């Protein structure tokens, strides 16, 4: 744990793991697919909380941030909800970690 943290140990232990999901979209269905993604409910499947969806540029077209109680629920959300949306060509999930403090704060205290 980092020194001078803003979250208590209990808060961090109880927080749901967060994921960044990068999506490649079929260019011929881009607008339709983005609209479908933006219309997903806040809780699109069991144990999943949708945090944010945004367009990005480069190799990927859309980024989806979500949290999930369990990795199995995250996988199910990606394969059964996101993977079934017409226009989604590829999905690349990345597990992220809650921000408890920064490395700079730790370095400054030493």
PDB file of N, CA and C in Angstrom:
ATOM      1  N   UNK A   1       0.833  -1.172   0.000  1.00  0.00           N
ATOM      2  CA  UNK A   1       0.000   0.000   0.000  1.00  0.00           C
ATOM      3  C   UNK A   1       0.882   1.241   0.000  1.00  0.00           C
ATOM      4  N   UNK A   2       0.411   2.278  -0.665  1.00  0.00           N
ATOM      5  CA  UNK A   2       1.143   3.523  -0.728  1.00  0.00           C
ATOM      6  C   UNK A   2       0.884   4.338   0.527  1.00  0.00           C
ATOM      7  N   UNK A   3       1.877   5.132   0.937  1.00  0.00           N
ATOM      8  CA  UNK A   3       1.702   6.009   2.075  1.00  0.00           C
ATOM      9  C   UNK A   3       0.771   7.162   1.729  1.00  0.00           C
ATOM     10  N   UNK A   4       0.140   7.745   2.742  1.00  0.00           N
ATOM     11  CA  UNK A   4      -0.742   8.899   2.582  1.00  0.00           C
ATOM     12  C   UNK A   4      -1.838   8.654   1.547  1.00  0.00           C
ATOM     13  N   UNK A   5      -2.454   7.486   1.611  1.00  0.00           N
ATOM     14  CA  UNK A   5      -3.482   7.112   0.636  1.00  0.00           C
ATOM     15  C   UNK A   5      -4.826   7.737   0.967  1.00  0.00           C
ATOM     16  N   UNK A   6      -5.655   7.888  -0.064  1.00  0.00           N
ATOM     17  CA  UNK A   6      -6.957   8.497   0.136  1.00  0.00           C
ATOM     18  C   UNK A   6      -8.037   7.461   0.430  1.00  0.00           C
ATOM     19  N   UNK A   7      -7.775   6.192   0.190  1.00  0.00           N
ATOM     20  CA  UNK A   7      -8.753   5.134   0.443  1.00  0.00           C
ATOM     21  C   UNK A   7      -8.269   4.263   1.594  1.00  0.00           C
ATOM     22  N   UNK A   8      -9.208   3.802   2.414  1.00  0.00           N
ATOM     23  CA  UNK A   8      -8.829   2.883   3.477  1.00  0.00           C
ATOM     24  C   UNK A   8      -8.613   1.499   2.883  1.00  0.00           C
ATOM     25  N   UNK A   9      -7.937   0.644   3.596  1.00  0.00           N
ATOM     26  CA  UNK A   9      -7.687  -0.717   3.130  1.00  0.00           C
ATOM     27  C   UNK A   9      -9.011  -1.432   2.852  1.00  0.00           C
ATOM     28  N   UNK A  10     -10.014  -1.231   3.693  1.00  0.00           N
ATOM     29  CA  UNK A  10     -11.310  -1.870   3.502  1.00  0.00           C
ATOM     30  C   UNK A  10     -11.959  -1.416   2.207  1.00  0.00           C
ATOM     31  N   UNK A  11     -11.901  -0.115   1.894  1.00  0.00           N
ATOM     32  CA  UNK A  11     -12.487   0.385   0.652  1.00  0.00           C
ATOM     33  C   UNK A  11     -11.834  -0.257  -0.557  1.00  0.00           C
ATOM     34  N   UNK A  12     -10.519  -0.385  -0.532  1.00  0.00           N
ATOM     35  CA  UNK A  12      -9.794  -0.964  -1.667  1.00  0.00           C
ATOM     36  C   UNK A  12     -10.123  -2.439  -1.812  1.00  0.00           C
ATOM     37  N   UNK A  13     -10.160  -3.165  -0.701  1.00  0.00           N
ATOM     38  CA  UNK A  13     -10.459  -4.585  -0.764  1.00  0.00           C
ATOM     39  C   UNK A  13     -11.871  -4.838  -1.265  1.00  0.00           C
ATOM     40  N   UNK A  14     -12.824  -3.935  -0.949  1.00  0.00           N
ATOM     41  CA  UNK A  14     -14.208  -4.119  -1.341  1.00  0.00           C
ATOM     42  C   UNK A  14     -14.531  -3.552  -2.719  1.00  0.00           C
ATOM     43  N   UNK A  15     -13.612  -2.801  -3.331  1.00  0.00           N
ATOM     44  CA  UNK A  15     -13.901  -2.232  -4.643  1.00  0.00           C
ATOM     45  C   UNK A  15     -13.837  -3.326  -5.704  1.00  0.00           C
ATOM     46  N   UNK A  16     -14.671  -3.162  -6.723  1.00  0.00           N
ATOM     47  CA  UNK A  16     -14.722  -4.151  -7.792  1.00  0.00           C
ATOM     48  C   UNK A  16     -13.553  -3.928  -8.740  1.00  0.00           C
ATOM     49  N   UNK A  17     -12.976  -5.005  -9.266  1.00  0.00           N
ATOM     50  CA  UNK A  17     -11.917  -4.855 -10.267  1.00  0.00           C
ATOM     51  C   UNK A  17     -12.436  -4.081 -11.475  1.00  0.00           C
ATOM     52  N   UNK A  18     -11.568  -3.254 -12.044  1.00  0.00           N
ATOM     53  CA  UNK A  18     -11.929  -2.439 -13.193  1.00  0.00           C
ATOM     54  C   UNK A  18     -11.260  -2.982 -14.449  1.00  0.00           C
ATOM     55  N   UNK A  19     -11.925  -2.761 -15.573  1.00  0.00           N
ATOM     56  CA  UNK A  19     -11.427  -3.248 -16.858  1.00  0.00           C
ATOM     57  C   UNK A  19     -11.519  -2.137 -17.899  1.00  0.00           C
ATOM     58  N   UNK A  20     -10.562  -2.129 -18.800  1.00  0.00           N
ATOM     59  CA  UNK A  20     -10.600  -1.289 -19.994  1.00  0.00           C
ATOM     60  C   UNK A  20     -10.780  -2.251 -21.157  1.00  0.00           C
ATOM     61  N   UNK A  21     -11.811  -2.027 -21.940  1.00  0.00           N
ATOM     62  CA  UNK A  21     -12.105  -2.883 -23.086  1.00  0.00           C
ATOM     63  C   UNK A  21     -11.943  -2.051 -24.349  1.00  0.00           C
ATOM     64  N   UNK A  22     -10.981  -2.424 -25.187  1.00  0.00           N
ATOM     65  CA  UNK A  22     -10.758  -1.746 -26.455  1.00  0.00           C
ATOM     66  C   UNK A  22     -11.494  -2.505 -27.547  1.00  0.00           C
ATOM     67  N   UNK A  23     -12.209  -1.763 -28.391  1.00  0.00           N
ATOM     68  CA  UNK A  23     -13.016  -2.394 -29.430  1.00  0.00           C
ATOM     69  C   UNK A  23     -12.620  -1.898 -30.811  1.00  0.00           C
ATOM     70  N   UNK A  24     -12.549  -2.821 -31.739  1.00  0.00           N
ATOM     71  CA  UNK A  24     -12.392  -2.486 -33.155  1.00  0.00           C
ATOM     72  C   UNK A  24     -13.766  -2.689 -33.790  1.00  0.00           C
ATOM     73  N   UNK A  25     -14.223  -1.672 -34.514  1.00  0.00           N
ATOM     74  CA  UNK A  25     -15.570  -1.654 -35.079  1.00  0.00           C
ATOM     75  C   UNK A  25     -15.495  -1.693 -36.602  1.00  0.00           C
ATOM     76  N   UNK A  26     -16.407  -2.439 -37.227  1.00  0.00           N
ATOM     77  CA  UNK A  26     -16.550  -2.460 -38.684  1.00  0.00           C
ATOM     78  C   UNK A  26     -16.896  -1.037 -39.131  1.00  0.00           C
ATOM     79  N   UNK A  27     -16.053  -0.460 -39.981  1.00  0.00           N
ATOM     80  CA  UNK A  27     -16.223   0.941 -40.397  1.00  0.00           C
ATOM     81  C   UNK A  27     -17.584   1.205 -41.045  1.00  0.00           C
ATOM     82  N   UNK A  28     -18.151   0.205 -41.716  1.00  0.00           N
ATOM     83  CA  UNK A  28     -19.449   0.406 -42.370  1.00  0.00           C
ATOM     84  C   UNK A  28     -20.603   0.447 -41.362  1.00  0.00           C
ATOM     85  N   UNK A  29     -20.341   0.038 -40.118  1.00  0.00           N
ATOM     86  CA  UNK A  29     -21.379   0.024 -39.077  1.00  0.00           C
ATOM     87  C   UNK A  29     -20.977   0.872 -37.870  1.00  0.00           C
ATOM     88  N   UNK A  30     -20.017   1.750 -38.059  1.00  0.00           N
ATOM     89  CA  UNK A  30     -19.425   2.490 -36.941  1.00  0.00           C
ATOM     90  C   UNK A  30     -20.456   3.279 -36.127  1.00  0.00           C
ATOM     91  N   UNK A  31     -21.222   4.139 -36.773  1.00  0.00           N
ATOM     92  CA  UNK A  31     -22.174   4.981 -36.035  1.00  0.00           C
ATOM     93  C   UNK A  31     -23.264   4.160 -35.358  1.00  0.00           C
ATOM     94  N   UNK A  32     -23.783   3.171 -36.069  1.00  0.00           N
ATOM     95  CA  UNK A  32     -24.823   2.303 -35.507  1.00  0.00           C
ATOM     96  C   UNK A  32     -24.299   1.545 -34.286  1.00  0.00           C
ATOM     97  N   UNK A  33     -23.081   1.038 -34.379  1.00  0.00           N
ATOM     98  CA  UNK A  33     -22.488   0.264 -33.283  1.00  0.00           C
ATOM     99  C   UNK A  33     -22.216   1.155 -32.076  1.00  0.00           C
ATOM    100  N   UNK A  34     -21.693   2.349 -32.306  1.00  0.00           N
ATOM    101  CA  UNK A  34     -21.431   3.278 -31.206  1.00  0.00           C
ATOM    102  C   UNK A  34     -22.739   3.661 -30.519  1.00  0.00           C
ATOM    103  N   UNK A  35     -23.792   3.897 -31.292  1.00  0.00           N
ATOM    104  CA  UNK A  35     -25.103   4.207 -30.682  1.00  0.00           C
ATOM    105  C   UNK A  35     -25.592   3.057 -29.816  1.00  0.00           C
ATOM    106  N   UNK A  36     -25.430   1.834 -30.302  1.00  0.00           N
ATOM    107  CA  UNK A  36     -25.839   0.656 -29.526  1.00  0.00           C
ATOM    108  C   UNK A  36     -25.052   0.576 -28.225  1.00  0.00           C
ATOM    109  N   UNK A  37     -23.746   0.797 -28.293  1.00  0.00           N
ATOM    110  CA  UNK A  37     -22.906   0.757 -27.091  1.00  0.00           C
ATOM    111  C   UNK A  37     -23.322   1.843 -26.100  1.00  0.00           C
ATOM    112  N   UNK A  38     -23.581   3.027 -26.591  1.00  0.00           N
ATOM    113  CA  UNK A  38     -23.949   4.144 -25.712  1.00  0.00           C
ATOM    114  C   UNK A  38     -25.326   3.957 -25.085  1.00  0.00           C
ATOM    115  N   UNK A  39     -26.139   3.114 -25.671  1.00  0.00           N
ATOM    116  CA  UNK A  39     -27.475   2.846 -25.117  1.00  0.00           C
ATOM    117  C   UNK A  39     -27.513   1.648 -24.173  1.00  0.00           C
ATOM    118  N   UNK A  40     -26.356   1.053 -23.896  1.00  0.00           N
ATOM    119  CA  UNK A  40     -26.320  -0.041 -22.926  1.00  0.00           C
ATOM    120  C   UNK A  40     -26.700   0.503 -21.556  1.00  0.00           C
ATOM    121  N   UNK A  41     -27.412  -0.287 -20.757  1.00  0.00           N
ATOM    122  CA  UNK A  41     -27.762   0.166 -19.405  1.00  0.00           C
ATOM    123  C   UNK A  41     -26.521   0.237 -18.507  1.00  0.00           C
ATOM    124  N   UNK A  42     -26.636   0.929 -17.389  1.00  0.00           N
ATOM    125  CA  UNK A  42     -25.529   1.064 -16.448  1.00  0.00           C
ATOM    126  C   UNK A  42     -25.082  -0.289 -15.912  1.00  0.00           C
ATOM    127  N   UNK A  43     -26.021  -1.223 -15.778  1.00  0.00           N
ATOM    128  CA  UNK A  43     -25.720  -2.586 -15.338  1.00  0.00           C
ATOM    129  C   UNK A  43     -26.145  -3.546 -16.449  1.00  0.00           C
ATOM    130  N   UNK A  44     -25.309  -3.685 -17.489  1.00  0.00           N
ATOM    131  CA  UNK A  44     -25.702  -4.448 -18.671  1.00  0.00           C
ATOM    132  C   UNK A  44     -25.762  -5.958 -18.469  1.00  0.00           C
ATOM    133  N   UNK A  45     -25.108  -6.464 -17.429  1.00  0.00           N
ATOM    134  CA  UNK A  45     -25.229  -7.880 -17.090  1.00  0.00           C
ATOM    135  C   UNK A  45     -24.899  -8.047 -15.614  1.00  0.00           C
ATOM    136  N   UNK A  46     -25.189  -9.213 -15.088  1.00  0.00           N
ATOM    137  CA  UNK A  46     -25.031  -9.490 -13.665  1.00  0.00           C
ATOM    138  C   UNK A  46     -23.600  -9.217 -13.191  1.00  0.00           C
ATOM    139  N   UNK A  47     -23.479  -8.392 -12.139  1.00  0.00           N
ATOM    140  CA  UNK A  47     -22.175  -8.119 -11.543  1.00  0.00           C
ATOM    141  C   UNK A  47     -21.318  -7.135 -12.305  1.00  0.00           C
ATOM    142  N   UNK A  48     -21.853  -6.494 -13.343  1.00  0.00           N
ATOM    143  CA  UNK A  48     -21.079  -5.572 -14.175  1.00  0.00           C
ATOM    144  C   UNK A  48     -21.658  -4.168 -14.068  1.00  0.00           C
ATOM    145  N   UNK A  49     -20.788  -3.191 -13.814  1.00  0.00           N
ATOM    146  CA  UNK A  49     -21.166  -1.778 -13.799  1.00  0.00           C
ATOM    147  C   UNK A  49     -20.431  -1.079 -14.930  1.00  0.00           C
ATOM    148  N   UNK A  50     -21.169  -0.525 -15.858  1.00  0.00           N
ATOM    149  CA  UNK A  50     -20.594   0.193 -16.987  1.00  0.00           C
ATOM    150  C   UNK A  50     -20.234   1.597 -16.513  1.00  0.00           C
ATOM    151  N   UNK A  51     -18.972   1.976 -16.681  1.00  0.00           N
ATOM    152  CA  UNK A  51     -18.498   3.262 -16.185  1.00  0.00           C
ATOM    153  C   UNK A  51     -18.473   4.338 -17.269  1.00  0.00           C
ATOM    154  N   UNK A  52     -17.900   4.020 -18.438  1.00  0.00           N
ATOM    155  CA  UNK A  52     -17.690   5.054 -19.444  1.00  0.00           C
ATOM    156  C   UNK A  52     -17.432   4.423 -20.807  1.00  0.00           C
ATOM    157  N   UNK A  53     -17.942   5.074 -21.855  1.00  0.00           N
ATOM    158  CA  UNK A  53     -17.695   4.648 -23.232  1.00  0.00           C
ATOM    159  C   UNK A  53     -17.240   5.878 -24.006  1.00  0.00           C
ATOM    160  N   UNK A  54     -16.150   5.743 -24.775  1.00  0.00           N
ATOM    161  CA  UNK A  54     -15.687   6.887 -25.557  1.00  0.00           C
ATOM    162  C   UNK A  54     -15.060   6.452 -26.871  1.00  0.00           C
ATOM    163  N   UNK A  55     -15.165   7.313 -27.863  1.00  0.00           N
ATOM    164  CA  UNK A  55     -14.493   7.085 -29.137  1.00  0.00           C
ATOM    165  C   UNK A  55     -13.007   7.354 -28.933  1.00  0.00           C
ATOM    166  N   UNK A  56     -12.170   6.554 -29.571  1.00  0.00           N
ATOM    167  CA  UNK A  56     -10.731   6.792 -29.544  1.00  0.00           C
ATOM    168  C   UNK A  56     -10.206   6.694 -30.976  1.00  0.00           C
ATOM    169  N   UNK A  57      -8.993   7.099 -31.185  1.00  0.00           N
ATOM    170  CA  UNK A  57      -8.410   7.101 -32.525  1.00  0.00           C
ATOM    171  C   UNK A  57      -7.171   6.224 -32.538  1.00  0.00           C
ATOM    172  N   UNK A  58      -6.892   5.631 -33.677  1.00  0.00           N
ATOM    173  CA  UNK A  58      -5.732   4.763 -33.818  1.00  0.00           C
ATOM    174  C   UNK A  58      -6.176   3.371 -34.216  1.00  0.00           C
ATOM    175  N   UNK A  59      -5.519   2.378 -33.682  1.00  0.00           N
ATOM    176  CA  UNK A  59      -5.818   0.989 -34.030  1.00  0.00           C
ATOM    177  C   UNK A  59      -7.183   0.537 -33.513  1.00  0.00           C
ATOM    178  N   UNK A  60      -7.676   1.167 -32.445  1.00  0.00           N
ATOM    179  CA  UNK A  60      -8.960   0.824 -31.836  1.00  0.00           C
ATOM    180  C   UNK A  60      -9.929   1.973 -32.044  1.00  0.00           C
ATOM    181  N   UNK A  61     -11.218   1.680 -32.012  1.00  0.00           N
ATOM    182  CA  UNK A  61     -12.238   2.689 -32.282  1.00  0.00           C
ATOM    183  C   UNK A  61     -12.980   3.177 -31.045  1.00  0.00           C
ATOM    184  N   UNK A  62     -13.165   2.284 -30.071  1.00  0.00           N
ATOM    185  CA  UNK A  62     -13.957   2.609 -28.883  1.00  0.00           C
ATOM    186  C   UNK A  62     -13.265   2.020 -27.656  1.00  0.00           C
ATOM    187  N   UNK A  63     -13.340   2.765 -26.545  1.00  0.00           N
ATOM    188  CA  UNK A  63     -12.860   2.277 -25.255  1.00  0.00           C
ATOM    189  C   UNK A  63     -14.047   2.201 -24.307  1.00  0.00           C
ATOM    190  N   UNK A  64     -14.153   1.102 -23.585  1.00  0.00           N
ATOM    191  CA  UNK A  64     -15.233   0.889 -22.622  1.00  0.00           C
ATOM    192  C   UNK A  64     -14.589   0.602 -21.267  1.00  0.00           C
ATOM    193  N   UNK A  65     -14.928   1.417 -20.270  1.00  0.00           N
ATOM    194  CA  UNK A  65     -14.466   1.162 -18.913  1.00  0.00           C
ATOM    195  C   UNK A  65     -15.627   0.576 -18.135  1.00  0.00           C
ATOM    196  N   UNK A  66     -15.352  -0.530 -17.446  1.00  0.00           N
ATOM    197  CA  UNK A  66     -16.386  -1.137 -16.607  1.00  0.00           C
ATOM    198  C   UNK A  66     -15.747  -1.827 -15.428  1.00  0.00           C
ATOM    199  N   UNK A  67     -16.545  -2.090 -14.417  1.00  0.00           N
ATOM    200  CA  UNK A  67     -16.080  -2.847 -13.261  1.00  0.00           C
ATOM    201  C   UNK A  67     -16.956  -4.087 -13.130  1.00  0.00           C
ATOM    202  N   UNK A  68     -16.386  -5.099 -12.493  1.00  0.00           N
ATOM    203  CA  UNK A  68     -17.100  -6.359 -12.371  1.00  0.00           C
ATOM    204  C   UNK A  68     -16.719  -7.053 -11.071  1.00  0.00           C
ATOM    205  N   UNK A  69     -17.716  -7.693 -10.455  1.00  0.00           N
ATOM    206  CA  UNK A  69     -17.469  -8.422  -9.212  1.00  0.00           C
ATOM    207  C   UNK A  69     -16.447  -9.539  -9.403  1.00  0.00           C
ATOM    208  N   UNK A  70     -16.558 -10.259 -10.507  1.00  0.00           N
ATOM    209  CA  UNK A  70     -15.701 -11.425 -10.763  1.00  0.00           C
ATOM    210  C   UNK A  70     -15.229 -11.415 -12.205  1.00  0.00           C
ATOM    211  N   UNK A  71     -14.071 -11.987 -12.448  1.00  0.00           N
ATOM    212  CA  UNK A  71     -13.545 -12.037 -13.814  1.00  0.00           C
ATOM    213  C   UNK A  71     -14.448 -12.869 -14.727  1.00  0.00           C
ATOM    214  N   UNK A  72     -15.123 -13.875 -14.179  1.00  0.00           N
ATOM    215  CA  UNK A  72     -16.040 -14.672 -15.004  1.00  0.00           C
ATOM    216  C   UNK A  72     -17.206 -13.829 -15.498  1.00  0.00           C
ATOM    217  N   UNK A  73     -17.666 -12.893 -14.651  1.00  0.00           N
ATOM    218  CA  UNK A  73     -18.748 -12.002 -15.073  1.00  0.00           C
ATOM    219  C   UNK A  73     -18.262 -11.022 -16.134  1.00  0.00           C
ATOM    220  N   UNK A  74     -17.018 -10.581 -16.020  1.00  0.00           N
ATOM    221  CA  UNK A  74     -16.435  -9.690 -17.026  1.00  0.00           C
ATOM    222  C   UNK A  74     -16.339 -10.409 -18.368  1.00  0.00           C
ATOM    223  N   UNK A  75     -15.876 -11.640 -18.349  1.00  0.00           N
ATOM    224  CA  UNK A  75     -15.747 -12.430 -19.578  1.00  0.00           C
ATOM    225  C   UNK A  75     -17.113 -12.663 -20.208  1.00  0.00           C
ATOM    226  N   UNK A  76     -18.101 -12.968 -19.386  1.00  0.00           N
ATOM    227  CA  UNK A  76     -19.456 -13.193 -19.892  1.00  0.00           C
ATOM    228  C   UNK A  76     -20.023 -11.915 -20.520  1.00  0.00           C
ATOM    229  N   UNK A  77     -19.802 -10.779 -19.871  1.00  0.00           N
ATOM    230  CA  UNK A  77     -20.256  -9.498 -20.413  1.00  0.00           C
ATOM    231  C   UNK A  77     -19.610  -9.230 -21.782  1.00  0.00           C
ATOM    232  N   UNK A  78     -18.323  -9.458 -21.882  1.00  0.00           N
ATOM    233  CA  UNK A  78     -17.608  -9.207 -23.144  1.00  0.00           C
ATOM    234  C   UNK A  78     -18.099 -10.144 -24.239  1.00  0.00           C
ATOM    235  N   UNK A  79     -18.212 -11.424 -23.932  1.00  0.00           N
ATOM    236  CA  UNK A  79     -18.575 -12.383 -24.984  1.00  0.00           C
ATOM    237  C   UNK A  79     -20.070 -12.381 -25.312  1.00  0.00           C
ATOM    238  N   UNK A  80     -20.926 -12.279 -24.295  1.00  0.00           N
ATOM    239  CA  UNK A  80     -22.369 -12.410 -24.549  1.00  0.00           C
ATOM    240  C   UNK A  80     -23.075 -11.090 -24.832  1.00  0.00           C
ATOM    241  N   UNK A  81     -22.546  -9.978 -24.344  1.00  0.00           N
ATOM    242  CA  UNK A  81     -23.187  -8.678 -24.591  1.00  0.00           C
ATOM    243  C   UNK A  81     -22.443  -7.913 -25.687  1.00  0.00           C
ATOM    244  N   UNK A  82     -21.185  -7.617 -25.428  1.00  0.00           N
ATOM    245  CA  UNK A  82     -20.405  -6.807 -26.377  1.00  0.00           C
ATOM    246  C   UNK A  82     -20.142  -7.573 -27.670  1.00  0.00           C
ATOM    247  N   UNK A  83     -19.758  -8.818 -27.560  1.00  0.00           N
ATOM    248  CA  UNK A  83     -19.429  -9.625 -28.738  1.00  0.00           C
ATOM    249  C   UNK A  83     -20.605  -9.894 -29.658  1.00  0.00           C
ATOM    250  N   UNK A  84     -21.820  -9.739 -29.149  1.00  0.00           N
ATOM    251  CA  UNK A  84     -23.017  -9.987 -29.955  1.00  0.00           C
ATOM    252  C   UNK A  84     -23.558  -8.727 -30.631  1.00  0.00           C
ATOM    253  N   UNK A  85     -22.940  -7.582 -30.353  1.00  0.00           N
ATOM    254  CA  UNK A  85     -23.391  -6.329 -30.969  1.00  0.00           C
ATOM    255  C   UNK A  85     -22.907  -6.287 -32.408  1.00  0.00           C
ATOM    256  N   UNK A  86     -23.819  -6.121 -33.380  1.00  0.00           N
ATOM    257  CA  UNK A  86     -23.402  -6.044 -34.782  1.00  0.00           C
ATOM    258  C   UNK A  86     -22.411  -4.906 -34.991  1.00  0.00           C
ATOM    259  N   UNK A  87     -21.328  -5.216 -35.664  1.00  0.00           N
ATOM    260  CA  UNK A  87     -20.310  -4.214 -35.941  1.00  0.00           C
ATOM    261  C   UNK A  87     -19.060  -4.356 -35.088  1.00  0.00           C
ATOM    262  N   UNK A  88     -19.162  -5.046 -33.947  1.00  0.00           N
ATOM    263  CA  UNK A  88     -17.976  -5.268 -33.116  1.00  0.00           C
ATOM    264  C   UNK A  88     -17.157  -6.374 -33.773  1.00  0.00           C
ATOM    265  N   UNK A  89     -15.950  -6.012 -34.200  1.00  0.00           N
ATOM    266  CA  UNK A  89     -15.085  -6.942 -34.929  1.00  0.00           C
ATOM    267  C   UNK A  89     -14.094  -7.635 -33.987  1.00  0.00           C
ATOM    268  N   UNK A  90     -13.567  -6.865 -33.037  1.00  0.00           N
ATOM    269  CA  UNK A  90     -12.549  -7.407 -32.130  1.00  0.00           C
ATOM    270  C   UNK A  90     -12.628  -6.688 -30.797  1.00  0.00           C
ATOM    271  N   UNK A  91     -12.363  -7.428 -29.728  1.00  0.00           N
ATOM    272  CA  UNK A  91     -12.357  -6.858 -28.383  1.00  0.00           C
ATOM    273  C   UNK A  91     -11.068  -7.244 -27.681  1.00  0.00           C
ATOM    274  N   UNK A  92     -10.459  -6.280 -27.001  1.00  0.00           N
ATOM    275  CA  UNK A  92      -9.213  -6.507 -26.278  1.00  0.00           C
ATOM    276  C   UNK A  92      -9.383  -5.993 -24.847  1.00  0.00           C
ATOM    277  N   UNK A  93      -9.641  -6.898 -23.887  1.00  0.00           N
ATOM    278  CA  UNK A  93      -9.831  -6.474 -22.497  1.00  0.00           C
ATOM    279  C   UNK A  93      -8.504  -6.356 -21.750  1.00  0.00           C
ATOM    280  N   UNK A  94      -8.429  -5.343 -20.885  1.00  0.00           N
ATOM    281  CA  UNK A  94      -7.252  -5.136 -20.046  1.00  0.00           C
ATOM    282  C   UNK A  94      -7.736  -4.936 -18.615  1.00  0.00           C
ATOM    283  N   UNK A  95      -7.266  -5.779 -17.707  1.00  0.00           N
ATOM    284  CA  UNK A  95      -7.613  -5.595 -16.292  1.00  0.00           C
ATOM    285  C   UNK A  95      -6.796  -4.427 -15.758  1.00  0.00           C
ATOM    286  N   UNK A  96      -7.454  -3.524 -15.035  1.00  0.00           N
ATOM    287  CA  UNK A  96      -6.757  -2.387 -14.440  1.00  0.00           C
ATOM    288  C   UNK A  96      -6.843  -2.509 -12.934  1.00  0.00           C
ATOM    289  N   UNK A  97      -6.218  -1.597 -12.227  1.00  0.00           N
ATOM    290  CA  UNK A  97      -6.186  -1.654 -10.782  1.00  0.00           C
ATOM    291  C   UNK A  97      -6.693  -0.349 -10.207  1.00  0.00           C
ATOM    292  N   UNK A  98      -7.352  -0.388  -9.046  1.00  0.00           N
ATOM    293  CA  UNK A  98      -7.824   0.859  -8.433  1.00  0.00           C
ATOM    294  C   UNK A  98      -6.641   1.752  -8.087  1.00  0.00           C
ATOM    295  N   UNK A  99      -6.837   3.054  -8.226  1.00  0.00           N
ATOM    296  CA  UNK A  99      -5.787   4.017  -7.901  1.00  0.00           C
ATOM    297  C   UNK A  99      -5.860   4.326  -6.416  1.00  0.00           C
ATOM    298  N   UNK A 100      -4.869   3.838  -5.674  1.00  0.00           N
ATOM    299  CA  UNK A 100      -4.853   4.013  -4.234  1.00  0.00           C
ATOM    300  C   UNK A 100      -3.983   5.210  -3.860  1.00  0.00           C
ATOM    301  N   UNK A 101      -3.012   5.489  -4.631  1.00  0.00           N
ATOM    302  CA  UNK A 101      -2.085   6.596  -4.429  1.00  0.00           C
ATOM    303  C   UNK A 101      -1.239   6.683  -5.672  1.00  0.00           C
ATOM    304  N   UNK A 102      -0.283   7.526  -5.660  1.00  0.00           N
ATOM    305  CA  UNK A 102       0.571   7.602  -6.839  1.00  0.00           C
ATOM    306  C   UNK A 102       1.992   7.241  -6.470  1.00  0.00           C
ATOM    307  N   UNK A 103       2.741   6.795  -7.448  1.00  0.00           N
ATOM    308  CA  UNK A 103       4.149   6.457  -7.235  1.00  0.00           C
ATOM    309  C   UNK A 103       4.913   7.705  -6.831  1.00  0.00           C
ATOM    310  N   UNK A 104       4.528   8.871  -7.334  1.00  0.00           N
ATOM    311  CA  UNK A 104       5.192  10.114  -7.014  1.00  0.00           C
ATOM    312  C   UNK A 104       5.047  10.412  -5.513  1.00  0.00           C
ATOM    313  N   UNK A 105       3.861  10.186  -4.931  1.00  0.00           N
ATOM    314  CA  UNK A 105       3.667  10.422  -3.496  1.00  0.00           C
ATOM    315  C   UNK A 105       4.573   9.517  -2.688  1.00  0.00           C
ATOM    316  N   UNK A 106       4.701   8.270  -3.113  1.00  0.00           N
ATOM    317  CA  UNK A 106       5.557   7.318  -2.401  1.00  0.00           C
ATOM    318  C   UNK A 106       7.004   7.767  -2.476  1.00  0.00           C
ATOM    319  N   UNK A 107       7.463   8.212  -3.640  1.00  0.00           N
ATOM    320  CA  UNK A 107       8.835   8.648  -3.839  1.00  0.00           C
ATOM    321  C   UNK A 107       9.121   9.897  -3.007  1.00  0.00           C
ATOM    322  N   UNK A 108       8.170  10.825  -2.965  1.00  0.00           N
ATOM    323  CA  UNK A 108       8.351  12.070  -2.210  1.00  0.00           C
ATOM    324  C   UNK A 108       8.510  11.825  -0.720  1.00  0.00           C
ATOM    325  N   UNK A 109       7.902  10.773  -0.214  1.00  0.00           N
ATOM    326  CA  UNK A 109       7.947  10.496   1.218  1.00  0.00           C
ATOM    327  C   UNK A 109       9.243   9.822   1.647  1.00  0.00           C
ATOM    328  N   UNK A 110       9.970   9.271   0.713  1.00  0.00           N
ATOM    329  CA  UNK A 110      11.192   8.525   1.072  1.00  0.00           C
ATOM    330  C   UNK A 110      12.341   9.433   1.388  1.00  0.00           C
TER     331      UNK A 110
END
